[in-house]
Amino acid sequence: MKKITAIISAMALIARSVPMYANAYSRQTTGNPVPVVDWNKWDDFIKYDLRITDFYSLDREKQNLCKFIFETEMSSPEDIVCERARRIVASQDVGERVTVEKLQQYEAIADSKCLYKIIDVRNVIEDATDFYYVLEDKHIFFCVPDIKHVGGISRNEYWLDDEGTEYIISNGDMEIVYNDFSPIFEYINRQEDVNRYIQFAESPEYPVINYNEFEFTVYPDNTLSLEKVDYDKNDSDIIEVPAMVDGMPVKQIASRSFENAPYTEIILPEGLEYIEPVTFYECHNLEKINFPDSLKNIGIYAFMKCDNLGTLEIDCPDIIQTKYSIFGTCSVENLIFGTEEVNCYYCTGNYENSFGKITLLDGVKEIDARYLQGDTEIPESVTIISGQTFEPILTVPKQIEILGAFGDIKPDNPYISIGLGAYVPLYDEDYSIAPYMYIQMFGYRNTEAERYAIAHDYLFCPLDDDDITTDDTQPDTDTTTYGDANNDGRINIADAVLLQRYLMGNAEISGNADANQDGVVDVFDMVYMRKLLIG
């Protein structure tokens, strides 16, 4: 349930109702102590962290939530994230609030973002080259935590009310969790100073029904999870998962339910919401599969070792995750994304993926900075570039409103789907779109690209027709064209590129590259040349 009004009323009482985040605390990072709330960072927080370009266009409730997030996160003595408030500001679903009774009924575990899974089995898969954990989970209910503690031991706070006077906190070291120990859930009442651990009932057993070649688990909310497929009962090359069985909708495809499936095409039903981890593991024959509009989550390495895929079109408006963990040693001929956010699709640890053409559909709003290289066409709907790239030459489209937005909080281990490491973008002094000292950024004047380049001291190369030609801009010299690194008799962008490569040890230059005429070719010549080119 979204009770925004009640949440907003709590913001005025935050110092009293949430004393552990009160402004009497200050954050201690790897450097010096940071002031309690440094409002000089507010503009960067709004723009690069919350992805908001016009704060005053928000309604009053969301404006108050933004201030609550900033004050709470920046004044906390720990690294925390106001996850529920962030989701509401982003107009995303936050689910219903958890209750003690529901936790007691269903022995649940909290992952890094949501409380929406029950872990029945924890399997360890190990082969000659790979070692990683796979979680086999069961969907019961969806609830976004109000507060995520992301430093040290990962903990999530699930408030029982919008004021946070009563809440449940999940504690547990990740190593303990993966050794088959359940995490600890603790009930806390701030007003009455009550702390107690939650006692769980025995793990429930769910009814099972069979329909043709499929076996389903029936959950208490009368939804179905596809658990097994009997390949002997379907010798076709194509298999279609039903949308309804006995009047109950199929909401989930369980982990490994299609492992080593012989089919060339799998048809998933509309209404499906969850695809669990490694669901289609080693489906070597699989060439085609659809993704219903209703899909909300694709689990870690869902297409692990699928090496014959043709076209994958992921165009799902409500999907939660389309990054890092979908692919692993996977081959896709044509990968199409239509989700609002598309992060770096090949960031899957040490696994090698092979993708042919990458297509971003109109409607994608945010992409990873690494899409600024290569031949992927960036649609005009993209207005936000996030993350980092390791390339020294970037070309930024004119419509970009936010360049260098802070990426998601980084996981401790790319092989593990839960667990977060401390990462606070506003206090990361070295954070920029590219971790290079010498960056050449192509873009248009009076855009975000030019503003960002100037702020980070990048060499900005204007793409506007009137600005590209710089032949007439020369140092005041009699016979030598100082700054002419390639010795072609003039100074232009080609000289800047060559000088940059020389300073990185990757090129040779002429003696005329000493733009500032101090007898040494160094970074000061790059700075001087930048002034010559862009004024």
Protein backbone atom coordinates (compact mmCIF):
# COMPACT_ATOMS: atom_id res chain seq x y z
CA MET A 1 0.00 0.00 0.00
CA LYS A 2 1.22 3.48 -0.78
CA LYS A 3 0.37 5.76 2.13
CA ILE A 4 2.30 8.77 0.95
CA THR A 5 0.36 11.28 3.05
CA ALA A 6 1.09 9.41 6.26
CA ILE A 7 4.73 9.07 5.32
CA ILE A 8 5.00 12.79 4.68
CA SER A 9 3.46 13.62 8.05
CA ALA A 10 6.16 11.51 9.62
CA MET A 11 8.88 13.60 8.02
CA ALA A 12 8.13 16.52 10.31
CA LEU A 13 8.58 14.21 13.29
CA ILE A 14 11.68 12.47 12.00
CA ALA A 15 13.99 13.59 14.81
CA ARG A 16 11.56 12.19 17.37
CA SER A 17 10.17 9.12 15.65
CA VAL A 18 13.47 8.01 14.08
CA PRO A 19 16.09 8.98 16.69
CA MET A 20 18.75 6.68 15.31
CA TYR A 21 18.93 8.91 12.21
CA ALA A 22 18.57 12.22 14.02
CA ASN A 23 20.79 15.11 13.02
CA ALA A 24 22.87 14.81 16.17
CA TYR A 25 24.90 12.21 14.32
CA SER A 26 27.53 12.70 11.63
CA ARG A 27 28.78 10.31 9.00
CA GLN A 28 32.28 8.89 9.33
CA THR A 29 33.78 7.87 6.00
CA THR A 30 37.26 6.83 4.92
CA GLY A 31 38.31 10.49 5.10
CA ASN A 32 37.53 13.19 7.60
CA PRO A 33 34.16 13.42 9.39
CA VAL A 34 31.51 14.95 7.17
CA PRO A 35 29.18 17.67 8.50
CA VAL A 36 25.81 16.44 9.68
CA VAL A 37 23.92 17.61 6.60
CA ASP A 38 25.90 19.46 3.97
CA TRP A 39 23.23 21.30 2.01
CA ASN A 40 25.84 22.37 -0.52
CA LYS A 41 25.50 18.83 -1.87
CA TRP A 42 21.72 19.11 -2.27
CA ASP A 43 21.76 20.04 -5.97
CA ASP A 44 24.10 17.16 -6.84
CA PHE A 45 21.99 14.79 -4.76
CA ILE A 46 18.80 15.75 -6.55
CA LYS A 47 20.33 15.65 -10.00
CA TYR A 48 22.83 12.81 -9.98
CA ASP A 49 21.41 10.56 -7.25
CA LEU A 50 17.63 10.93 -7.54
CA ARG A 51 17.70 11.76 -11.30
CA ILE A 52 15.52 14.85 -10.92
CA THR A 53 16.14 17.83 -13.19
CA ASP A 54 13.22 19.99 -12.07
CA PHE A 55 12.68 19.62 -8.34
CA TYR A 56 9.96 22.28 -8.24
CA SER A 57 7.84 20.38 -10.74
CA LEU A 58 7.30 17.66 -8.13
CA ASP A 59 4.25 17.74 -5.92
CA ARG A 60 4.69 18.72 -2.28
CA GLU A 61 4.63 15.14 -1.03
CA LYS A 62 7.53 14.06 -3.26
CA GLN A 63 9.50 17.21 -2.48
CA ASN A 64 9.22 16.41 1.22
CA LEU A 65 10.25 12.83 0.58
CA CYS A 66 13.36 14.07 -1.26
CA LYS A 67 14.34 16.19 1.73
CA PHE A 68 13.64 13.29 4.09
CA ILE A 69 15.87 10.99 2.04
CA PHE A 70 18.69 13.54 1.91
CA GLU A 71 18.63 14.41 5.60
CA THR A 72 18.22 10.81 6.75
CA GLU A 73 20.94 9.32 4.57
CA MET A 74 23.43 12.15 5.00
CA SER A 75 23.07 12.40 8.80
CA SER A 76 23.14 8.68 9.53
CA PRO A 77 26.24 7.31 11.29
CA GLU A 78 25.93 4.31 8.98
CA ASP A 79 25.69 3.91 5.21
CA ILE A 80 21.96 3.61 4.64
CA VAL A 81 19.46 3.96 1.81
CA CYS A 82 15.85 5.12 2.21
CA GLU A 83 14.68 2.51 -0.27
CA ARG A 84 10.91 2.83 0.11
CA ALA A 85 10.91 6.63 -0.14
CA ARG A 86 13.25 6.49 -3.15
CA ARG A 87 10.89 4.09 -4.92
CA ILE A 88 7.88 6.33 -4.22
CA VAL A 89 9.74 9.38 -5.57
CA ALA A 90 10.52 7.35 -8.70
CA SER A 91 6.81 6.38 -8.99
CA GLN A 92 7.62 2.69 -8.50
CA ASP A 93 5.65 0.04 -6.69
CA VAL A 94 6.60 -0.51 -3.05
CA GLY A 95 4.24 -3.35 -2.22
CA GLU A 96 2.22 -3.91 0.91
CA ARG A 97 3.70 -3.50 4.36
CA VAL A 98 4.94 -6.61 6.11
CA THR A 99 3.38 -7.83 9.36
CA VAL A 100 4.74 -9.96 12.20
CA GLU A 101 2.02 -12.52 11.52
CA LYS A 102 3.00 -12.88 7.88
CA LEU A 103 6.64 -13.41 8.81
CA GLN A 104 5.65 -15.99 11.40
CA GLN A 105 3.51 -17.79 8.88
CA TYR A 106 6.10 -17.75 6.15
CA GLU A 107 9.73 -18.15 7.14
CA ALA A 108 11.05 -15.45 4.84
CA ILE A 109 14.39 -13.90 3.98
CA ALA A 110 15.14 -10.35 2.89
CA ASP A 111 17.24 -9.79 -0.16
CA SER A 112 19.09 -6.60 -1.02
CA LYS A 113 16.10 -4.69 -2.36
CA CYS A 114 12.80 -6.32 -1.47
CA LEU A 115 11.17 -8.80 0.83
CA TYR A 116 9.39 -10.90 -1.76
CA LYS A 117 10.91 -14.34 -1.62
CA ILE A 118 10.94 -17.42 0.54
CA ILE A 119 14.14 -19.41 0.40
CA ASP A 120 13.41 -23.14 0.54
CA VAL A 121 16.73 -24.52 -0.67
CA ARG A 122 20.22 -23.06 -0.89
CA ASN A 123 22.25 -24.88 -3.49
CA VAL A 124 25.93 -24.51 -4.23
CA ILE A 125 26.90 -25.16 -7.84
CA GLU A 126 30.53 -25.85 -8.58
CA ASP A 127 32.25 -26.87 -11.79
CA ALA A 128 35.74 -26.61 -13.24
CA THR A 129 35.73 -22.85 -13.63
CA ASP A 130 32.72 -21.40 -11.81
CA PHE A 131 31.72 -21.13 -8.19
CA TYR A 132 28.60 -19.27 -7.22
CA TYR A 133 25.46 -19.55 -5.18
CA VAL A 134 21.98 -20.11 -6.58
CA LEU A 135 18.91 -19.36 -4.53
CA GLU A 136 15.78 -21.40 -5.15
CA ASP A 137 12.97 -19.16 -3.95
CA LYS A 138 9.20 -18.99 -3.68
CA HIS A 139 7.21 -15.79 -4.13
CA ILE A 140 4.82 -14.99 -1.31
CA PHE A 141 4.47 -11.25 -0.97
CA PHE A 142 6.18 -8.08 -2.08
CA CYS A 143 7.45 -5.44 0.34
CA VAL A 144 10.18 -2.85 -0.17
CA PRO A 145 12.21 -2.07 2.98
CA ASP A 146 12.02 1.44 4.34
CA ILE A 147 15.71 1.52 5.28
CA LYS A 148 18.61 -0.53 3.90
CA HIS A 149 21.81 -0.62 5.95
CA VAL A 150 24.51 -1.22 3.36
CA GLY A 151 27.75 -1.01 5.31
CA GLY A 152 29.23 -4.09 7.02
CA ILE A 153 26.50 -6.63 7.76
CA SER A 154 23.55 -6.02 5.47
CA ARG A 155 20.32 -5.22 7.33
CA ASN A 156 16.90 -4.13 6.16
CA GLU A 157 14.27 -2.25 8.16
CA TYR A 158 10.63 -3.00 7.35
CA TRP A 159 8.39 -0.49 9.08
CA LEU A 160 5.04 -1.83 10.29
CA ASP A 161 3.52 1.64 10.02
CA ASP A 162 4.32 4.73 8.00
CA GLU A 163 5.78 6.50 11.03
CA GLY A 164 8.37 3.82 11.76
CA THR A 165 7.53 3.51 15.45
CA GLU A 166 7.28 -0.25 14.99
CA TYR A 167 9.52 -2.10 12.58
CA ILE A 168 11.19 -5.40 11.81
CA ILE A 169 14.88 -5.53 11.13
CA SER A 170 16.55 -8.44 9.37
CA ASN A 171 20.07 -9.21 10.54
CA GLY A 172 22.53 -11.77 9.34
CA ASP A 173 25.98 -12.11 7.91
CA MET A 174 25.82 -13.32 4.31
CA GLU A 175 28.21 -16.23 4.98
CA ILE A 176 25.94 -17.46 7.75
CA VAL A 177 22.91 -17.24 5.49
CA TYR A 178 24.61 -19.27 2.79
CA ASN A 179 25.61 -21.96 5.27
CA ASP A 180 21.94 -22.79 5.77
CA PHE A 181 21.41 -20.64 8.85
CA SER A 182 18.29 -18.53 8.72
CA PRO A 183 18.69 -14.78 9.19
CA ILE A 184 17.46 -13.20 12.41
CA PHE A 185 14.29 -11.12 12.33
CA GLU A 186 13.85 -8.77 15.25
CA TYR A 187 10.74 -6.82 16.20
CA ILE A 188 11.39 -3.32 17.59
CA ASN A 189 8.97 -0.79 19.08
CA ARG A 190 10.72 2.56 19.56
CA GLN A 191 8.05 4.21 21.70
CA GLU A 192 7.67 1.31 24.13
CA ASP A 193 11.37 0.33 23.99
CA VAL A 194 10.52 -3.27 23.07
CA ASN A 195 12.93 -5.62 21.31
CA ARG A 196 12.19 -9.28 20.68
CA TYR A 197 13.08 -11.92 18.15
CA ILE A 198 10.38 -13.34 15.93
CA GLN A 199 9.59 -16.99 16.42
CA PHE A 200 8.85 -18.78 13.16
CA ALA A 201 6.47 -21.57 12.50
CA GLU A 202 7.73 -24.64 10.71
CA SER A 203 8.27 -24.18 7.01
CA PRO A 204 4.90 -24.65 5.33
CA GLU A 205 4.19 -27.34 2.78
CA TYR A 206 2.23 -26.17 -0.23
CA PRO A 207 -0.23 -28.13 -2.33
CA VAL A 208 0.95 -29.41 -5.71
CA ILE A 209 -1.18 -29.83 -8.83
CA ASN A 210 -0.35 -31.32 -12.23
CA TYR A 211 -1.58 -30.08 -15.56
CA ASN A 212 -0.48 -31.87 -18.73
CA GLU A 213 3.35 -31.87 -18.65
CA PHE A 214 3.54 -29.22 -15.91
CA GLU A 215 3.73 -29.42 -12.13
CA PHE A 216 2.68 -26.37 -10.13
CA THR A 217 2.92 -25.28 -6.51
CA VAL A 218 -0.18 -23.55 -5.11
CA TYR A 219 0.53 -20.63 -2.79
CA PRO A 220 -1.77 -19.20 -0.09
CA ASP A 221 -2.76 -16.29 -2.33
CA ASN A 222 -4.07 -18.81 -4.92
CA THR A 223 -1.29 -18.13 -7.40
CA LEU A 224 0.82 -20.79 -9.09
CA SER A 225 4.52 -21.38 -9.51
CA LEU A 226 5.70 -23.69 -12.28
CA GLU A 227 8.09 -26.14 -10.61
CA LYS A 228 8.77 -28.95 -13.07
CA VAL A 229 8.26 -29.84 -16.71
CA ASP A 230 8.05 -33.45 -17.90
CA TYR A 231 9.86 -33.33 -21.23
CA ASP A 232 8.73 -36.87 -22.09
CA LYS A 233 5.11 -35.67 -22.25
CA ASN A 234 5.89 -33.00 -24.83
CA ASP A 235 8.10 -34.08 -27.72
CA SER A 236 7.44 -30.90 -29.73
CA ASP A 237 10.10 -28.29 -30.38
CA ILE A 238 7.79 -25.63 -28.88
CA ILE A 239 6.22 -25.54 -25.43
CA GLU A 240 3.66 -23.04 -24.11
CA VAL A 241 3.17 -22.36 -20.40
CA PRO A 242 -0.53 -21.88 -19.55
CA ALA A 243 -1.69 -18.57 -18.08
CA MET A 244 -4.36 -20.13 -15.86
CA VAL A 245 -4.83 -23.56 -14.30
CA ASP A 246 -8.01 -24.39 -12.34
CA GLY A 247 -8.87 -20.71 -12.22
CA MET A 248 -5.51 -19.73 -10.67
CA PRO A 249 -2.97 -17.51 -12.48
CA VAL A 250 0.60 -18.63 -13.15
CA LYS A 251 2.76 -15.90 -11.61
CA GLN A 252 6.19 -17.53 -11.39
CA ILE A 253 8.60 -19.87 -13.15
CA ALA A 254 10.73 -21.67 -10.56
CA SER A 255 14.49 -22.04 -10.61
CA ARG A 256 15.81 -24.81 -12.90
CA SER A 257 12.29 -25.77 -13.98
CA PHE A 258 13.52 -25.68 -17.62
CA GLU A 259 17.04 -26.95 -17.01
CA ASN A 260 18.40 -28.73 -20.11
CA ALA A 261 15.04 -28.28 -21.83
CA PRO A 262 15.08 -29.62 -25.43
CA TYR A 263 12.78 -26.94 -26.85
CA THR A 264 13.73 -24.39 -29.49
CA GLU A 265 10.95 -22.02 -28.38
CA ILE A 266 9.32 -21.41 -24.99
CA ILE A 267 6.15 -19.31 -24.83
CA LEU A 268 5.56 -17.59 -21.48
CA PRO A 269 2.06 -16.43 -20.48
CA GLU A 270 0.83 -12.88 -19.99
CA GLY A 271 0.40 -12.29 -16.26
CA LEU A 272 3.73 -13.92 -15.40
CA GLU A 273 5.67 -11.78 -12.91
CA TYR A 274 8.77 -13.66 -11.76
CA ILE A 275 11.45 -15.74 -13.46
CA GLU A 276 13.68 -17.27 -10.79
CA PRO A 277 17.48 -17.73 -10.88
CA VAL A 278 18.99 -20.10 -13.50
CA THR A 279 15.53 -21.06 -14.72
CA PHE A 280 16.70 -21.87 -18.27
CA TYR A 281 20.09 -23.29 -17.32
CA GLU A 282 21.88 -25.01 -20.23
CA CYS A 283 18.97 -24.77 -22.68
CA HIS A 284 21.33 -25.28 -25.62
CA ASN A 285 18.52 -25.69 -28.17
CA LEU A 286 16.60 -22.60 -27.08
CA GLU A 287 16.39 -20.03 -29.87
CA LYS A 288 13.29 -18.02 -29.04
CA ILE A 289 11.48 -16.91 -25.87
CA ASN A 290 9.06 -14.06 -25.15
CA PHE A 291 8.92 -11.73 -22.16
CA PRO A 292 5.35 -10.78 -21.09
CA ASP A 293 4.55 -7.13 -20.33
CA SER A 294 3.59 -8.18 -16.79
CA LEU A 295 7.10 -9.42 -15.93
CA LYS A 296 8.64 -7.79 -12.83
CA ASN A 297 11.85 -9.70 -12.23
CA ILE A 298 14.34 -11.92 -14.03
CA GLY A 299 16.58 -13.80 -11.60
CA ILE A 300 20.33 -14.21 -11.51
CA TYR A 301 21.77 -16.06 -14.52
CA ALA A 302 18.32 -17.02 -15.78
CA PHE A 303 19.91 -17.83 -19.17
CA MET A 304 23.11 -19.34 -17.88
CA LYS A 305 24.88 -21.29 -20.66
CA CYS A 306 22.16 -20.70 -23.25
CA ASP A 307 24.35 -20.48 -26.32
CA ASN A 308 21.93 -20.50 -29.25
CA LEU A 309 19.52 -17.62 -28.60
CA GLY A 310 18.35 -15.60 -31.58
CA THR A 311 16.46 -12.48 -30.53
CA LEU A 312 15.62 -11.50 -26.95
CA GLU A 313 13.26 -8.54 -26.63
CA ILE A 314 12.84 -7.39 -23.03
CA ASP A 315 10.17 -4.71 -23.23
CA CYS A 316 8.56 -4.83 -19.78
CA PRO A 317 7.52 -1.52 -18.15
CA ASP A 318 7.37 -2.91 -14.58
CA ILE A 319 10.53 -4.98 -14.54
CA ILE A 320 12.75 -4.56 -11.47
CA GLN A 321 16.07 -5.89 -12.69
CA THR A 322 17.59 -6.16 -16.16
CA LYS A 323 21.28 -5.96 -15.32
CA TYR A 324 24.32 -7.88 -14.18
CA SER A 325 22.75 -11.24 -13.49
CA ILE A 326 20.49 -12.24 -16.35
CA PHE A 327 23.20 -13.66 -18.61
CA GLY A 328 26.19 -15.90 -17.96
CA THR A 329 28.28 -17.53 -20.71
CA CYS A 330 25.34 -16.73 -22.94
CA SER A 331 25.09 -16.09 -26.68
CA VAL A 332 22.38 -13.79 -28.05
CA GLU A 333 22.16 -12.83 -31.71
CA ASN A 334 19.98 -9.75 -31.20
CA LEU A 335 19.38 -8.19 -27.79
CA ILE A 336 16.56 -5.64 -27.55
CA PHE A 337 15.79 -3.57 -24.44
CA GLY A 338 12.65 -1.51 -23.92
CA THR A 339 12.82 -1.06 -20.16
CA GLU A 340 13.14 2.41 -18.66
CA GLU A 341 16.64 1.71 -17.35
CA VAL A 342 19.27 -0.35 -19.16
CA ASN A 343 22.50 -0.84 -17.28
CA CYS A 344 25.63 -2.50 -18.59
CA TYR A 345 24.28 -5.82 -19.87
CA TYR A 346 27.65 -7.57 -19.97
CA CYS A 347 28.63 -6.95 -16.33
CA THR A 348 28.36 -10.55 -15.19
CA GLY A 349 31.53 -11.17 -13.23
CA ASN A 350 34.09 -13.31 -15.05
CA TYR A 351 31.60 -14.83 -17.45
CA GLU A 352 32.01 -14.22 -21.16
CA ASN A 353 28.91 -13.30 -23.13
CA SER A 354 28.47 -12.96 -26.85
CA PHE A 355 25.96 -10.41 -28.12
CA GLY A 356 25.36 -9.48 -31.71
CA LYS A 357 23.34 -6.37 -32.35
CA ILE A 358 22.18 -4.34 -29.33
CA THR A 359 18.99 -2.32 -29.78
CA LEU A 360 17.56 0.23 -27.35
CA LEU A 361 13.89 0.94 -27.99
CA ASP A 362 12.26 4.34 -27.80
CA GLY A 363 11.09 4.75 -24.21
CA VAL A 364 14.38 3.84 -22.58
CA LYS A 365 15.23 6.76 -20.27
CA GLU A 366 18.52 5.81 -18.62
CA ILE A 367 21.51 3.88 -19.95
CA ASP A 368 24.97 2.95 -18.74
CA ALA A 369 27.88 5.18 -19.85
CA ARG A 370 29.45 2.27 -21.71
CA TYR A 371 26.73 2.61 -24.35
CA LEU A 372 28.48 5.83 -25.42
CA GLN A 373 30.98 3.61 -27.24
CA GLY A 374 30.27 1.13 -29.99
CA ASP A 375 27.57 1.24 -32.64
CA THR A 376 24.47 1.01 -30.44
CA GLU A 377 22.06 3.77 -31.47
CA ILE A 378 20.84 5.83 -28.52
CA PRO A 379 17.15 6.77 -28.85
CA GLU A 380 16.00 10.33 -28.21
CA SER A 381 14.03 9.17 -25.16
CA VAL A 382 17.30 8.61 -23.27
CA THR A 383 17.98 11.59 -21.04
CA ILE A 384 20.19 10.08 -18.32
CA ILE A 385 23.67 8.54 -18.58
CA SER A 386 24.74 6.69 -15.42
CA GLY A 387 27.68 4.61 -14.28
CA GLN A 388 31.23 4.81 -15.57
CA THR A 389 33.17 4.06 -18.73
CA PHE A 390 36.84 3.32 -19.18
CA GLU A 391 37.16 4.85 -22.61
CA PRO A 392 38.94 8.22 -23.04
CA ILE A 393 36.79 9.46 -25.96
CA LEU A 394 33.04 9.97 -25.48
CA THR A 395 30.25 11.30 -27.69
CA VAL A 396 27.20 12.60 -25.82
CA PRO A 397 23.80 13.07 -27.53
CA LYS A 398 22.23 16.53 -27.41
CA GLN A 399 19.13 15.49 -25.40
CA ILE A 400 21.03 14.21 -22.35
CA GLU A 401 19.88 16.06 -19.22
CA ILE A 402 21.92 14.18 -16.60
CA LEU A 403 25.41 12.97 -17.43
CA GLY A 404 27.27 10.91 -14.85
CA ALA A 405 24.32 9.93 -12.65
CA PHE A 406 25.35 7.80 -9.72
CA GLY A 407 24.92 4.10 -10.43
CA ASP A 408 23.13 1.69 -8.15
CA ILE A 409 24.76 0.67 -4.90
CA LYS A 410 27.34 -1.89 -5.87
CA PRO A 411 27.06 -5.50 -4.67
CA ASP A 412 29.89 -7.01 -2.65
CA ASN A 413 30.19 -9.92 -5.03
CA PRO A 414 28.84 -10.09 -8.59
CA TYR A 415 28.06 -13.80 -8.15
CA ILE A 416 25.70 -13.21 -5.23
CA SER A 417 22.27 -11.75 -5.74
CA ILE A 418 21.92 -10.34 -2.23
CA GLY A 419 24.19 -8.32 0.00
CA LEU A 420 25.44 -4.78 -0.47
CA GLY A 421 28.70 -3.02 0.13
CA ALA A 422 29.06 0.49 1.47
CA TYR A 423 28.91 2.99 -1.36
CA VAL A 424 27.89 6.62 -0.89
CA PRO A 425 28.22 8.50 -4.20
CA LEU A 426 28.15 12.01 -2.75
CA TYR A 427 31.22 11.25 -0.65
CA ASP A 428 33.15 9.40 -3.32
CA GLU A 429 35.63 12.10 -4.29
CA ASP A 430 36.94 10.27 -7.35
CA TYR A 431 33.56 9.56 -8.89
CA SER A 432 33.16 10.74 -12.47
CA ILE A 433 31.81 9.30 -15.68
CA ALA A 434 35.31 8.18 -16.71
CA PRO A 435 38.26 7.43 -14.39
CA TYR A 436 40.79 9.09 -16.71
CA MET A 437 42.71 12.32 -16.28
CA TYR A 438 42.52 13.16 -19.98
CA ILE A 439 39.05 12.82 -21.50
CA GLN A 440 37.93 14.05 -24.90
CA MET A 441 34.18 14.61 -24.89
CA PHE A 442 32.29 15.34 -28.10
CA GLY A 443 28.98 17.12 -27.58
CA TYR A 444 26.88 20.19 -28.30
CA ARG A 445 27.35 23.63 -26.82
CA ASN A 446 25.08 24.80 -24.01
CA THR A 447 24.14 21.22 -23.13
CA GLU A 448 24.78 18.94 -20.18
CA ALA A 449 27.80 17.52 -22.02
CA GLU A 450 29.57 20.90 -22.13
CA ARG A 451 28.68 21.74 -18.52
CA TYR A 452 29.89 18.36 -17.30
CA ALA A 453 33.12 18.54 -19.32
CA ILE A 454 33.97 21.96 -17.91
CA ALA A 455 33.16 20.88 -14.35
CA HIS A 456 35.47 17.85 -14.64
CA ASP A 457 38.15 19.56 -16.73
CA TYR A 458 37.58 17.32 -19.75
CA LEU A 459 38.53 18.46 -23.25
CA PHE A 460 35.19 19.47 -24.78
CA CYS A 461 34.95 19.18 -28.58
CA PRO A 462 31.81 20.88 -29.91
CA LEU A 463 29.82 19.05 -32.56
CA ASP A 464 27.84 22.07 -33.72
CA ASP A 465 28.76 22.85 -37.33
CA ASP A 466 29.93 26.37 -36.57
CA ASP A 467 32.22 25.19 -33.78
CA ILE A 468 34.03 22.26 -35.37
CA THR A 469 36.42 24.30 -37.51
CA THR A 470 39.21 25.76 -35.40
CA ASP A 471 41.84 26.44 -38.08
CA ASP A 472 41.79 30.18 -37.42
CA THR A 473 42.55 29.79 -33.72
CA GLN A 474 46.37 29.90 -33.51
CA PRO A 475 48.93 30.93 -30.91
CA ASP A 476 50.56 34.29 -31.49
CA THR A 477 53.86 33.10 -33.00
CA ASP A 478 56.00 34.19 -35.96
CA THR A 479 57.08 30.97 -37.66
CA THR A 480 56.10 27.96 -35.51
CA THR A 481 52.53 26.74 -34.97
CA TYR A 482 52.85 25.79 -31.31
CA GLY A 483 50.30 23.14 -30.42
CA ASP A 484 50.43 21.51 -33.86
CA ALA A 485 51.06 18.02 -32.47
CA ASN A 486 50.64 16.22 -35.81
CA ASN A 487 52.63 18.82 -37.76
CA ASP A 488 49.98 19.51 -40.40
CA GLY A 489 50.26 23.29 -40.11
CA ARG A 490 47.13 23.94 -38.08
CA ILE A 491 45.58 23.31 -34.64
CA ASN A 492 42.36 21.35 -34.37
CA ILE A 493 40.75 18.43 -32.56
CA ALA A 494 43.14 15.97 -34.21
CA ASP A 495 46.03 17.60 -32.34
CA ALA A 496 44.18 17.32 -29.02
CA VAL A 497 43.54 13.60 -29.58
CA LEU A 498 47.17 12.98 -30.52
CA LEU A 499 48.50 14.95 -27.52
CA GLN A 500 46.18 13.04 -25.20
CA ARG A 501 47.46 9.71 -26.52
CA TYR A 502 51.05 10.92 -26.16
CA LEU A 503 50.51 11.87 -22.52
CA MET A 504 49.11 8.37 -21.94
CA GLY A 505 52.19 6.85 -23.58
CA ASN A 506 50.42 5.63 -26.72
CA ALA A 507 51.62 7.95 -29.51
CA GLU A 508 54.45 10.02 -30.99
CA ILE A 509 54.18 13.79 -31.51
CA SER A 510 56.02 16.57 -33.32
CA GLY A 511 58.17 19.12 -31.55
CA ASN A 512 55.48 21.73 -32.16
CA ALA A 513 53.19 20.15 -29.53
CA ASP A 514 54.60 22.46 -26.84
CA ALA A 515 51.52 24.70 -26.97
CA ASN A 516 52.43 26.93 -24.03
CA GLN A 517 56.07 27.21 -25.15
CA ASP A 518 57.62 26.32 -21.79
CA GLY A 519 60.05 23.80 -23.28
CA VAL A 520 58.20 20.70 -21.97
CA VAL A 521 55.27 18.78 -23.47
CA ASP A 522 53.04 17.91 -20.52
CA VAL A 523 49.51 18.24 -19.15
CA PHE A 524 49.79 22.04 -19.12
CA ASP A 525 49.98 21.94 -22.90
CA MET A 526 46.71 19.98 -22.93
CA VAL A 527 45.09 22.65 -20.74
CA TYR A 528 46.41 25.42 -22.98
CA MET A 529 45.27 23.61 -26.12
CA ARG A 530 41.81 23.19 -24.62
CA LYS A 531 41.59 26.97 -24.23
CA LEU A 532 42.67 27.42 -27.84
CA LEU A 533 39.99 25.04 -29.12
CA ILE A 534 36.95 26.02 -27.07
CA GLY A 535 37.84 29.55 -25.96
